[in-house]
Amino acid sequence: MHRAKLMVPLAKRKAKEQLELEYKSKSGNPLARMEELQIDLSIREARLLNCFHEG
């Protein structure tokens, strides 16, 4: 259980870094894109937390 708690921040950081890379590589409306990324990140975080709670 303790190990899972340590993994969450790491996984969040990795997801955030990945999203930032994707953001930098794509053009378009930056503000709209940022909102999409925030929503995507929230969904990923929720999924990660669910995985840790279930497992």
C-alpha atoms as a PDB file:
ATOM      1  CA  MET A   1       0.000   0.000   0.000  1.00  0.00           C
ATOM      2  CA  HIS A   2       2.778   2.400   0.939  1.00  0.00           C
ATOM      3  CA  ARG A   3       4.517   1.808  -2.389  1.00  0.00           C
ATOM      4  CA  ALA A   4       1.340   2.633  -4.313  1.00  0.00           C
ATOM      5  CA  LYS A   5       1.119   6.004  -2.552  1.00  0.00           C
ATOM      6  CA  LEU A   6       4.648   6.816  -3.675  1.00  0.00           C
ATOM      7  CA  MET A   7       3.836   5.861  -7.266  1.00  0.00           C
ATOM      8  CA  VAL A   8       0.918   8.291  -7.669  1.00  0.00           C
ATOM      9  CA  PRO A   9       2.951  11.547  -7.644  1.00  0.00           C
ATOM     10  CA  LEU A  10       5.534  10.011  -9.965  1.00  0.00           C
ATOM     11  CA  ALA A  11       2.856   8.839 -12.382  1.00  0.00           C
ATOM     12  CA  LYS A  12       1.172  12.254 -12.245  1.00  0.00           C
ATOM     13  CA  ARG A  13       4.459  13.975 -13.034  1.00  0.00           C
ATOM     14  CA  LYS A  14       5.145  11.626 -15.946  1.00  0.00           C
ATOM     15  CA  ALA A  15       1.657  12.217 -17.362  1.00  0.00           C
ATOM     16  CA  LYS A  16       2.135  15.972 -17.014  1.00  0.00           C
ATOM     17  CA  GLU A  17       5.509  15.866 -18.768  1.00  0.00           C
ATOM     18  CA  GLN A  18       4.000  13.818 -21.589  1.00  0.00           C
ATOM     19  CA  LEU A  19       1.154  16.303 -21.993  1.00  0.00           C
ATOM     20  CA  GLU A  20       3.583  19.216 -22.061  1.00  0.00           C
ATOM     21  CA  LEU A  21       5.561  17.507 -24.829  1.00  0.00           C
ATOM     22  CA  GLU A  22       2.368  16.908 -26.794  1.00  0.00           C
ATOM     23  CA  TYR A  23       1.369  20.542 -26.265  1.00  0.00           C
ATOM     24  CA  LYS A  24       4.718  21.829 -27.544  1.00  0.00           C
ATOM     25  CA  SER A  25       4.592  19.585 -30.605  1.00  0.00           C
ATOM     26  CA  LYS A  26       1.118  20.684 -31.727  1.00  0.00           C
ATOM     27  CA  SER A  27       0.004  24.053 -32.990  1.00  0.00           C
ATOM     28  CA  GLY A  28      -3.446  25.576 -32.997  1.00  0.00           C
ATOM     29  CA  ASN A  29      -5.291  27.664 -30.467  1.00  0.00           C
ATOM     30  CA  PRO A  30      -3.004  27.507 -27.395  1.00  0.00           C
ATOM     31  CA  LEU A  31      -5.697  28.360 -24.839  1.00  0.00           C
ATOM     32  CA  ALA A  32      -8.171  25.809 -26.152  1.00  0.00           C
ATOM     33  CA  ARG A  33      -5.370  23.254 -26.335  1.00  0.00           C
ATOM     34  CA  MET A  34      -4.353  23.963 -22.717  1.00  0.00           C
ATOM     35  CA  GLU A  35      -7.933  23.400 -21.568  1.00  0.00           C
ATOM     36  CA  GLU A  36      -8.047  20.092 -23.436  1.00  0.00           C
ATOM     37  CA  LEU A  37      -4.806  19.044 -21.763  1.00  0.00           C
ATOM     38  CA  GLN A  38      -6.092  19.986 -18.310  1.00  0.00           C
ATOM     39  CA  ILE A  39      -9.224  17.891 -18.860  1.00  0.00           C
ATOM     40  CA  ASP A  40      -7.144  15.010 -20.221  1.00  0.00           C
ATOM     41  CA  LEU A  41      -4.803  15.217 -17.224  1.00  0.00           C
ATOM     42  CA  SER A  42      -7.745  15.169 -14.803  1.00  0.00           C
ATOM     43  CA  ILE A  43      -9.124  12.061 -16.493  1.00  0.00           C
ATOM     44  CA  ARG A  44      -5.731  10.344 -16.377  1.00  0.00           C
ATOM     45  CA  GLU A  45      -5.304  11.222 -12.695  1.00  0.00           C
ATOM     46  CA  ALA A  46      -8.742   9.826 -11.882  1.00  0.00           C
ATOM     47  CA  ARG A  47      -7.915   6.598 -13.729  1.00  0.00           C
ATOM     48  CA  LEU A  48      -4.586   6.296 -11.918  1.00  0.00           C
ATOM     49  CA  LEU A  49      -6.193   6.795  -8.534  1.00  0.00           C
ATOM     50  CA  ASN A  50      -8.883   4.231  -9.368  1.00  0.00           C
ATOM     51  CA  CYS A  51      -6.204   1.709 -10.341  1.00  0.00           C
ATOM     52  CA  PHE A  52      -4.422   2.175  -7.033  1.00  0.00           C
ATOM     53  CA  HIS A  53      -7.620   1.989  -4.981  1.00  0.00           C
ATOM     54  CA  GLU A  54      -8.826  -1.160  -6.736  1.00  0.00           C
ATOM     55  CA  GLY A  55      -5.451  -2.867  -6.847  1.00  0.00           C
END
